[in-house]
Amino acid sequence: MSSPPVERVYVALGSNVGDRAAHLAFARERLGALPDTRLVAASQVEETAALGPVPQGRFLNQMVLLETSLPPRELLLGLLELERERGRDRGERWGPRTLDLDIVRYGDWVVSEPGLTVPHPELPNRDFWRREVAELEALSPARA
């Protein structure tokens, strides 16, 4: 039996509540410890204004590149569990968050399921995500 293919996955990290840098550090450490997953690279951390209609503090943002054989839905469940471990409250859409983890790209996959859209629909609207993806692509070009 062959093992599932390994995909290159870009995951966005964000935090604007509590010790933002510690939340991002936790996420980097734990993402690389997910089953069948390896943290390949991490972008620089950026501070950005919050997006959306809810007044709130500034975010620390970062993008990481993972290699994983977890299917997209299973990876998403792992991300949601990490958010919960850091006290994420999903009460208010676009509200403040201790930790926000989003699958931005999952290889060349296109996924449209309830609660999971890949590539992330906000990618074209977030300059900082595109900068961070480009930084990671320069650090770790795809292997042929």
N, C-alpha and C. Protein backbone atom coordinates (compact mmCIF):
# COMPACT_ATOMS: atom_id res chain seq x y z
N MET A 1 0.85 -1.19 0.00
CA MET A 1 0.00 0.00 0.00
C MET A 1 0.88 1.24 0.00
N SER A 2 0.64 2.15 -0.90
CA SER A 2 1.46 3.35 -0.97
C SER A 2 0.96 4.39 0.03
N SER A 3 1.88 5.24 0.47
CA SER A 3 1.50 6.29 1.41
C SER A 3 0.87 7.45 0.65
N PRO A 4 0.02 8.24 1.35
CA PRO A 4 -0.62 9.38 0.67
C PRO A 4 0.43 10.39 0.23
N PRO A 5 0.15 11.15 -0.83
CA PRO A 5 1.10 12.14 -1.31
C PRO A 5 1.29 13.27 -0.27
N VAL A 6 2.47 13.83 -0.30
CA VAL A 6 2.77 14.96 0.58
C VAL A 6 2.49 16.23 -0.21
N GLU A 7 1.74 17.12 0.41
CA GLU A 7 1.38 18.40 -0.22
C GLU A 7 2.06 19.55 0.51
N ARG A 8 2.35 20.61 -0.24
CA ARG A 8 2.87 21.85 0.35
C ARG A 8 1.67 22.73 0.67
N VAL A 9 1.57 23.12 1.92
CA VAL A 9 0.39 23.85 2.40
C VAL A 9 0.84 25.14 3.07
N TYR A 10 0.18 26.24 2.71
CA TYR A 10 0.42 27.54 3.33
C TYR A 10 -0.68 27.79 4.35
N VAL A 11 -0.26 28.04 5.59
CA VAL A 11 -1.21 28.30 6.68
C VAL A 11 -0.90 29.67 7.26
N ALA A 12 -1.94 30.51 7.34
CA ALA A 12 -1.81 31.85 7.92
C ALA A 12 -2.05 31.77 9.42
N LEU A 13 -1.20 32.46 10.18
CA LEU A 13 -1.32 32.57 11.62
C LEU A 13 -1.63 34.01 11.96
N GLY A 14 -2.55 34.24 12.87
CA GLY A 14 -2.86 35.59 13.30
C GLY A 14 -3.28 35.61 14.76
N SER A 15 -3.00 36.72 15.43
CA SER A 15 -3.39 36.88 16.83
C SER A 15 -3.49 38.36 17.15
N ASN A 16 -4.55 38.74 17.89
CA ASN A 16 -4.63 40.12 18.36
C ASN A 16 -5.17 40.20 19.79
N VAL A 17 -5.08 39.12 20.53
CA VAL A 17 -5.53 39.10 21.93
C VAL A 17 -4.44 38.45 22.78
N GLY A 18 -4.12 39.06 23.90
CA GLY A 18 -3.15 38.47 24.82
C GLY A 18 -1.73 38.60 24.31
N ASP A 19 -0.91 37.61 24.64
CA ASP A 19 0.49 37.59 24.23
C ASP A 19 0.55 37.08 22.79
N ARG A 20 0.41 38.00 21.85
CA ARG A 20 0.29 37.64 20.44
C ARG A 20 1.48 36.84 19.94
N ALA A 21 2.69 37.25 20.31
CA ALA A 21 3.89 36.54 19.85
C ALA A 21 3.92 35.12 20.41
N ALA A 22 3.50 34.93 21.65
CA ALA A 22 3.47 33.59 22.25
C ALA A 22 2.44 32.71 21.55
N HIS A 23 1.31 33.29 21.16
CA HIS A 23 0.31 32.50 20.43
C HIS A 23 0.86 32.02 19.10
N LEU A 24 1.58 32.88 18.40
CA LEU A 24 2.17 32.48 17.12
C LEU A 24 3.25 31.42 17.33
N ALA A 25 4.07 31.59 18.35
CA ALA A 25 5.12 30.61 18.64
C ALA A 25 4.50 29.24 18.96
N PHE A 26 3.44 29.22 19.75
CA PHE A 26 2.72 27.99 20.06
C PHE A 26 2.26 27.32 18.76
N ALA A 27 1.65 28.11 17.88
CA ALA A 27 1.13 27.57 16.63
C ALA A 27 2.26 26.97 15.78
N ARG A 28 3.37 27.68 15.65
CA ARG A 28 4.49 27.15 14.85
C ARG A 28 4.97 25.81 15.41
N GLU A 29 5.12 25.75 16.72
CA GLU A 29 5.60 24.52 17.36
C GLU A 29 4.62 23.37 17.15
N ARG A 30 3.36 23.65 17.37
CA ARG A 30 2.35 22.58 17.33
C ARG A 30 1.98 22.17 15.90
N LEU A 31 2.04 23.10 14.95
CA LEU A 31 1.75 22.73 13.56
C LEU A 31 2.73 21.68 13.06
N GLY A 32 4.00 21.86 13.39
CA GLY A 32 5.02 20.90 12.97
C GLY A 32 4.89 19.56 13.68
N ALA A 33 4.11 19.50 14.75
CA ALA A 33 3.91 18.26 15.50
C ALA A 33 2.63 17.53 15.11
N LEU A 34 1.84 18.11 14.19
CA LEU A 34 0.64 17.41 13.73
C LEU A 34 1.06 16.11 13.04
N PRO A 35 0.21 15.09 13.05
CA PRO A 35 0.57 13.82 12.39
C PRO A 35 0.89 14.03 10.92
N ASP A 36 1.92 13.34 10.45
CA ASP A 36 2.29 13.35 9.04
C ASP A 36 2.51 14.75 8.49
N THR A 37 3.02 15.64 9.34
CA THR A 37 3.18 17.05 8.97
C THR A 37 4.55 17.54 9.43
N ARG A 38 5.16 18.38 8.59
CA ARG A 38 6.46 18.97 8.90
C ARG A 38 6.41 20.46 8.58
N LEU A 39 6.90 21.28 9.52
CA LEU A 39 7.03 22.72 9.28
C LEU A 39 8.30 22.93 8.46
N VAL A 40 8.13 23.50 7.26
CA VAL A 40 9.25 23.70 6.35
C VAL A 40 9.88 25.07 6.54
N ALA A 41 9.04 26.11 6.66
CA ALA A 41 9.55 27.47 6.75
C ALA A 41 8.47 28.38 7.34
N ALA A 42 8.92 29.51 7.86
CA ALA A 42 8.00 30.51 8.41
C ALA A 42 8.42 31.88 7.90
N SER A 43 7.44 32.69 7.53
CA SER A 43 7.71 34.06 7.08
C SER A 43 8.07 34.93 8.28
N GLN A 44 8.46 36.15 7.98
CA GLN A 44 8.62 37.15 9.02
C GLN A 44 7.24 37.44 9.64
N VAL A 45 7.24 37.88 10.88
CA VAL A 45 6.00 38.29 11.54
C VAL A 45 5.72 39.74 11.15
N GLU A 46 4.47 40.04 10.83
CA GLU A 46 4.05 41.39 10.48
C GLU A 46 2.95 41.84 11.42
N GLU A 47 2.92 43.12 11.73
CA GLU A 47 1.80 43.69 12.49
C GLU A 47 0.91 44.42 11.50
N THR A 48 -0.39 44.12 11.55
CA THR A 48 -1.34 44.73 10.62
C THR A 48 -2.58 45.19 11.37
N ALA A 49 -3.28 46.12 10.76
CA ALA A 49 -4.56 46.56 11.30
C ALA A 49 -5.57 45.43 11.13
N ALA A 50 -6.53 45.38 12.04
CA ALA A 50 -7.59 44.39 11.94
C ALA A 50 -8.46 44.69 10.73
N LEU A 51 -8.94 43.63 10.08
CA LEU A 51 -9.84 43.77 8.95
C LEU A 51 -11.27 43.54 9.42
N GLY A 52 -12.23 44.07 8.69
CA GLY A 52 -13.63 43.83 9.01
C GLY A 52 -14.24 44.94 9.83
N PRO A 53 -15.53 44.77 10.18
CA PRO A 53 -16.30 45.84 10.80
C PRO A 53 -16.17 45.98 12.31
N VAL A 54 -15.48 45.05 12.98
CA VAL A 54 -15.41 45.05 14.44
C VAL A 54 -14.18 45.82 14.91
N PRO A 55 -14.35 46.91 15.70
CA PRO A 55 -13.18 47.63 16.23
C PRO A 55 -12.39 46.72 17.17
N GLN A 56 -11.06 46.66 16.97
CA GLN A 56 -10.22 45.78 17.78
C GLN A 56 -8.76 46.13 17.57
N GLY A 57 -7.91 45.51 18.36
CA GLY A 57 -6.48 45.76 18.31
C GLY A 57 -5.82 45.19 17.07
N ARG A 58 -4.57 45.60 16.88
CA ARG A 58 -3.78 45.17 15.73
C ARG A 58 -3.39 43.70 15.85
N PHE A 59 -3.18 43.09 14.71
CA PHE A 59 -2.80 41.68 14.63
C PHE A 59 -1.31 41.52 14.42
N LEU A 60 -0.77 40.44 14.97
CA LEU A 60 0.49 39.90 14.49
C LEU A 60 0.11 38.79 13.53
N ASN A 61 0.72 38.79 12.35
CA ASN A 61 0.44 37.80 11.31
C ASN A 61 1.73 37.16 10.84
N GLN A 62 1.59 35.92 10.41
CA GLN A 62 2.72 35.18 9.87
C GLN A 62 2.16 34.06 9.00
N MET A 63 2.94 33.64 8.01
CA MET A 63 2.57 32.52 7.16
C MET A 63 3.60 31.43 7.38
N VAL A 64 3.14 30.18 7.43
CA VAL A 64 4.06 29.05 7.50
C VAL A 64 3.81 28.13 6.32
N LEU A 65 4.85 27.45 5.93
CA LEU A 65 4.78 26.44 4.88
C LEU A 65 4.92 25.09 5.55
N LEU A 66 3.93 24.24 5.33
CA LEU A 66 3.94 22.88 5.86
C LEU A 66 4.07 21.91 4.70
N GLU A 67 4.61 20.75 4.99
CA GLU A 67 4.47 19.60 4.11
C GLU A 67 3.68 18.59 4.89
N THR A 68 2.57 18.12 4.32
CA THR A 68 1.70 17.21 5.05
C THR A 68 1.04 16.22 4.10
N SER A 69 0.73 15.06 4.65
CA SER A 69 -0.09 14.11 3.90
C SER A 69 -1.50 14.03 4.50
N LEU A 70 -1.79 14.91 5.47
CA LEU A 70 -3.15 14.99 5.98
C LEU A 70 -4.06 15.56 4.90
N PRO A 71 -5.24 14.99 4.70
CA PRO A 71 -6.19 15.61 3.76
C PRO A 71 -6.63 16.98 4.29
N PRO A 72 -7.12 17.86 3.41
CA PRO A 72 -7.47 19.22 3.84
C PRO A 72 -8.42 19.27 5.04
N ARG A 73 -9.47 18.49 5.04
CA ARG A 73 -10.44 18.53 6.15
C ARG A 73 -9.78 18.10 7.46
N GLU A 74 -8.95 17.07 7.41
CA GLU A 74 -8.28 16.60 8.61
C GLU A 74 -7.29 17.65 9.13
N LEU A 75 -6.59 18.31 8.22
CA LEU A 75 -5.70 19.40 8.62
C LEU A 75 -6.50 20.51 9.27
N LEU A 76 -7.62 20.88 8.66
CA LEU A 76 -8.47 21.93 9.24
C LEU A 76 -8.90 21.57 10.66
N LEU A 77 -9.29 20.34 10.89
CA LEU A 77 -9.69 19.93 12.23
C LEU A 77 -8.54 20.08 13.22
N GLY A 78 -7.33 19.77 12.78
CA GLY A 78 -6.16 19.98 13.63
C GLY A 78 -5.94 21.45 13.95
N LEU A 79 -6.13 22.32 12.94
CA LEU A 79 -5.98 23.77 13.16
C LEU A 79 -7.01 24.28 14.16
N LEU A 80 -8.25 23.84 14.00
CA LEU A 80 -9.31 24.28 14.92
C LEU A 80 -9.03 23.83 16.35
N GLU A 81 -8.46 22.65 16.51
CA GLU A 81 -8.11 22.17 17.85
C GLU A 81 -7.01 23.04 18.46
N LEU A 82 -6.01 23.43 17.66
CA LEU A 82 -4.95 24.30 18.17
C LEU A 82 -5.53 25.65 18.58
N GLU A 83 -6.45 26.19 17.79
CA GLU A 83 -7.11 27.45 18.17
C GLU A 83 -7.82 27.30 19.51
N ARG A 84 -8.56 26.21 19.68
CA ARG A 84 -9.28 25.99 20.95
C ARG A 84 -8.32 25.90 22.12
N GLU A 85 -7.19 25.24 21.92
CA GLU A 85 -6.20 25.12 23.00
C GLU A 85 -5.69 26.48 23.45
N ARG A 86 -5.70 27.45 22.57
CA ARG A 86 -5.25 28.80 22.92
C ARG A 86 -6.40 29.71 23.32
N GLY A 87 -7.58 29.15 23.55
CA GLY A 87 -8.70 29.93 24.05
C GLY A 87 -9.47 30.68 22.99
N ARG A 88 -9.39 30.25 21.74
CA ARG A 88 -10.11 30.92 20.66
C ARG A 88 -11.62 30.82 20.90
N ASP A 89 -12.28 31.96 20.85
CA ASP A 89 -13.73 32.02 20.96
C ASP A 89 -14.26 32.41 19.60
N ARG A 90 -15.04 31.53 18.98
CA ARG A 90 -15.55 31.80 17.64
C ARG A 90 -16.92 32.45 17.70
N GLY A 91 -17.17 33.31 18.68
CA GLY A 91 -18.47 33.94 18.83
C GLY A 91 -18.80 34.94 17.75
N GLU A 92 -17.98 35.96 17.58
CA GLU A 92 -18.29 37.06 16.67
C GLU A 92 -17.45 36.96 15.40
N ARG A 93 -18.13 36.91 14.25
CA ARG A 93 -17.40 36.87 12.97
C ARG A 93 -16.56 38.14 12.83
N TRP A 94 -15.32 37.97 12.42
CA TRP A 94 -14.34 39.05 12.26
C TRP A 94 -13.96 39.66 13.61
N GLY A 95 -14.27 38.98 14.72
CA GLY A 95 -13.97 39.51 16.05
C GLY A 95 -12.53 39.23 16.46
N PRO A 96 -12.15 39.73 17.65
CA PRO A 96 -10.80 39.52 18.17
C PRO A 96 -10.52 38.03 18.39
N ARG A 97 -9.23 37.64 18.27
CA ARG A 97 -8.88 36.24 18.43
C ARG A 97 -7.51 36.06 19.06
N THR A 98 -7.46 35.09 19.96
CA THR A 98 -6.17 34.71 20.52
C THR A 98 -5.30 34.09 19.43
N LEU A 99 -5.93 33.23 18.63
CA LEU A 99 -5.20 32.55 17.57
C LEU A 99 -6.15 32.25 16.42
N ASP A 100 -5.73 32.61 15.23
CA ASP A 100 -6.51 32.36 14.02
C ASP A 100 -5.59 31.61 13.06
N LEU A 101 -6.01 30.43 12.62
CA LEU A 101 -5.22 29.62 11.70
C LEU A 101 -6.08 29.33 10.47
N ASP A 102 -5.57 29.69 9.30
CA ASP A 102 -6.32 29.51 8.05
C ASP A 102 -5.47 28.78 7.03
N ILE A 103 -6.06 27.79 6.38
CA ILE A 103 -5.41 27.16 5.22
C ILE A 103 -5.57 28.13 4.06
N VAL A 104 -4.46 28.65 3.58
CA VAL A 104 -4.49 29.63 2.49
C VAL A 104 -4.37 28.93 1.14
N ARG A 105 -3.43 28.00 1.04
CA ARG A 105 -3.28 27.17 -0.16
C ARG A 105 -2.92 25.76 0.28
N TYR A 106 -3.43 24.79 -0.43
CA TYR A 106 -3.15 23.38 -0.15
C TYR A 106 -2.72 22.75 -1.48
N GLY A 107 -1.41 22.77 -1.74
CA GLY A 107 -0.92 22.30 -3.04
C GLY A 107 -1.65 23.01 -4.16
N ASP A 108 -2.06 22.24 -5.15
CA ASP A 108 -2.83 22.79 -6.27
C ASP A 108 -4.32 22.49 -6.10
N TRP A 109 -4.71 22.04 -4.93
CA TRP A 109 -6.09 21.64 -4.69
C TRP A 109 -7.03 22.84 -4.74
N VAL A 110 -8.25 22.56 -5.19
CA VAL A 110 -9.36 23.49 -5.09
C VAL A 110 -10.44 22.75 -4.31
N VAL A 111 -10.81 23.31 -3.16
CA VAL A 111 -11.79 22.68 -2.28
C VAL A 111 -12.90 23.68 -2.00
N SER A 112 -14.13 23.23 -2.11
CA SER A 112 -15.27 24.06 -1.77
C SER A 112 -16.28 23.20 -1.02
N GLU A 113 -16.14 23.21 0.30
CA GLU A 113 -17.00 22.42 1.19
C GLU A 113 -17.49 23.35 2.29
N PRO A 114 -18.55 22.96 2.98
CA PRO A 114 -18.98 23.79 4.11
C PRO A 114 -17.83 23.96 5.12
N GLY A 115 -17.48 25.22 5.39
CA GLY A 115 -16.43 25.53 6.35
C GLY A 115 -15.01 25.40 5.84
N LEU A 116 -14.83 25.06 4.56
CA LEU A 116 -13.47 24.89 4.02
C LEU A 116 -13.46 25.26 2.54
N THR A 117 -12.77 26.35 2.23
CA THR A 117 -12.58 26.78 0.85
C THR A 117 -11.09 26.99 0.63
N VAL A 118 -10.55 26.31 -0.38
CA VAL A 118 -9.13 26.39 -0.72
C VAL A 118 -9.03 26.56 -2.22
N PRO A 119 -8.23 27.50 -2.71
CA PRO A 119 -7.50 28.51 -1.96
C PRO A 119 -8.44 29.39 -1.13
N HIS A 120 -7.90 29.96 -0.06
CA HIS A 120 -8.72 30.79 0.82
C HIS A 120 -9.29 31.96 0.03
N PRO A 121 -10.60 32.21 0.14
CA PRO A 121 -11.22 33.27 -0.67
C PRO A 121 -10.71 34.67 -0.37
N GLU A 122 -10.09 34.90 0.78
CA GLU A 122 -9.58 36.23 1.12
C GLU A 122 -8.15 36.47 0.62
N LEU A 123 -7.51 35.46 0.04
CA LEU A 123 -6.12 35.63 -0.42
C LEU A 123 -5.96 36.83 -1.35
N PRO A 124 -6.84 37.03 -2.33
CA PRO A 124 -6.66 38.20 -3.21
C PRO A 124 -6.81 39.54 -2.49
N ASN A 125 -7.46 39.55 -1.33
CA ASN A 125 -7.74 40.80 -0.61
C ASN A 125 -6.73 41.13 0.48
N ARG A 126 -5.77 40.26 0.71
CA ARG A 126 -4.83 40.46 1.82
C ARG A 126 -3.41 40.54 1.28
N ASP A 127 -2.96 41.78 1.10
CA ASP A 127 -1.61 42.01 0.58
C ASP A 127 -0.57 41.32 1.45
N PHE A 128 -0.75 41.37 2.77
CA PHE A 128 0.26 40.78 3.66
C PHE A 128 0.34 39.26 3.46
N TRP A 129 -0.77 38.58 3.19
CA TRP A 129 -0.72 37.14 2.91
C TRP A 129 0.06 36.88 1.63
N ARG A 130 -0.19 37.67 0.60
CA ARG A 130 0.51 37.46 -0.67
C ARG A 130 2.01 37.72 -0.50
N ARG A 131 2.37 38.74 0.27
CA ARG A 131 3.80 39.01 0.55
C ARG A 131 4.43 37.83 1.29
N GLU A 132 3.71 37.31 2.29
CA GLU A 132 4.25 36.22 3.11
C GLU A 132 4.38 34.94 2.29
N VAL A 133 3.41 34.64 1.44
CA VAL A 133 3.52 33.46 0.56
C VAL A 133 4.73 33.62 -0.36
N ALA A 134 4.89 34.80 -0.94
CA ALA A 134 6.03 35.04 -1.84
C ALA A 134 7.36 34.86 -1.09
N GLU A 135 7.41 35.35 0.14
CA GLU A 135 8.62 35.19 0.95
C GLU A 135 8.93 33.71 1.15
N LEU A 136 7.93 32.91 1.46
CA LEU A 136 8.13 31.48 1.68
C LEU A 136 8.50 30.76 0.39
N GLU A 137 7.88 31.15 -0.71
CA GLU A 137 8.24 30.54 -2.00
C GLU A 137 9.70 30.81 -2.36
N ALA A 138 10.20 32.00 -2.01
CA ALA A 138 11.61 32.33 -2.27
C ALA A 138 12.54 31.52 -1.35
N LEU A 139 12.09 31.27 -0.12
CA LEU A 139 12.91 30.52 0.84
C LEU A 139 12.94 29.03 0.53
N SER A 140 11.84 28.52 0.02
CA SER A 140 11.70 27.09 -0.18
C SER A 140 10.98 26.79 -1.48
N PRO A 141 11.69 26.96 -2.61
CA PRO A 141 11.03 26.72 -3.90
C PRO A 141 10.54 25.28 -4.00
N ALA A 142 9.46 25.10 -4.73
CA ALA A 142 8.88 23.76 -4.91
C ALA A 142 9.87 22.88 -5.66
N ARG A 143 9.91 21.63 -5.25
CA ARG A 143 10.76 20.66 -5.94
C ARG A 143 10.00 20.09 -7.14
N ALA A 144 10.70 19.86 -8.21
CA ALA A 144 10.06 19.30 -9.40
C ALA A 144 9.88 17.80 -9.26
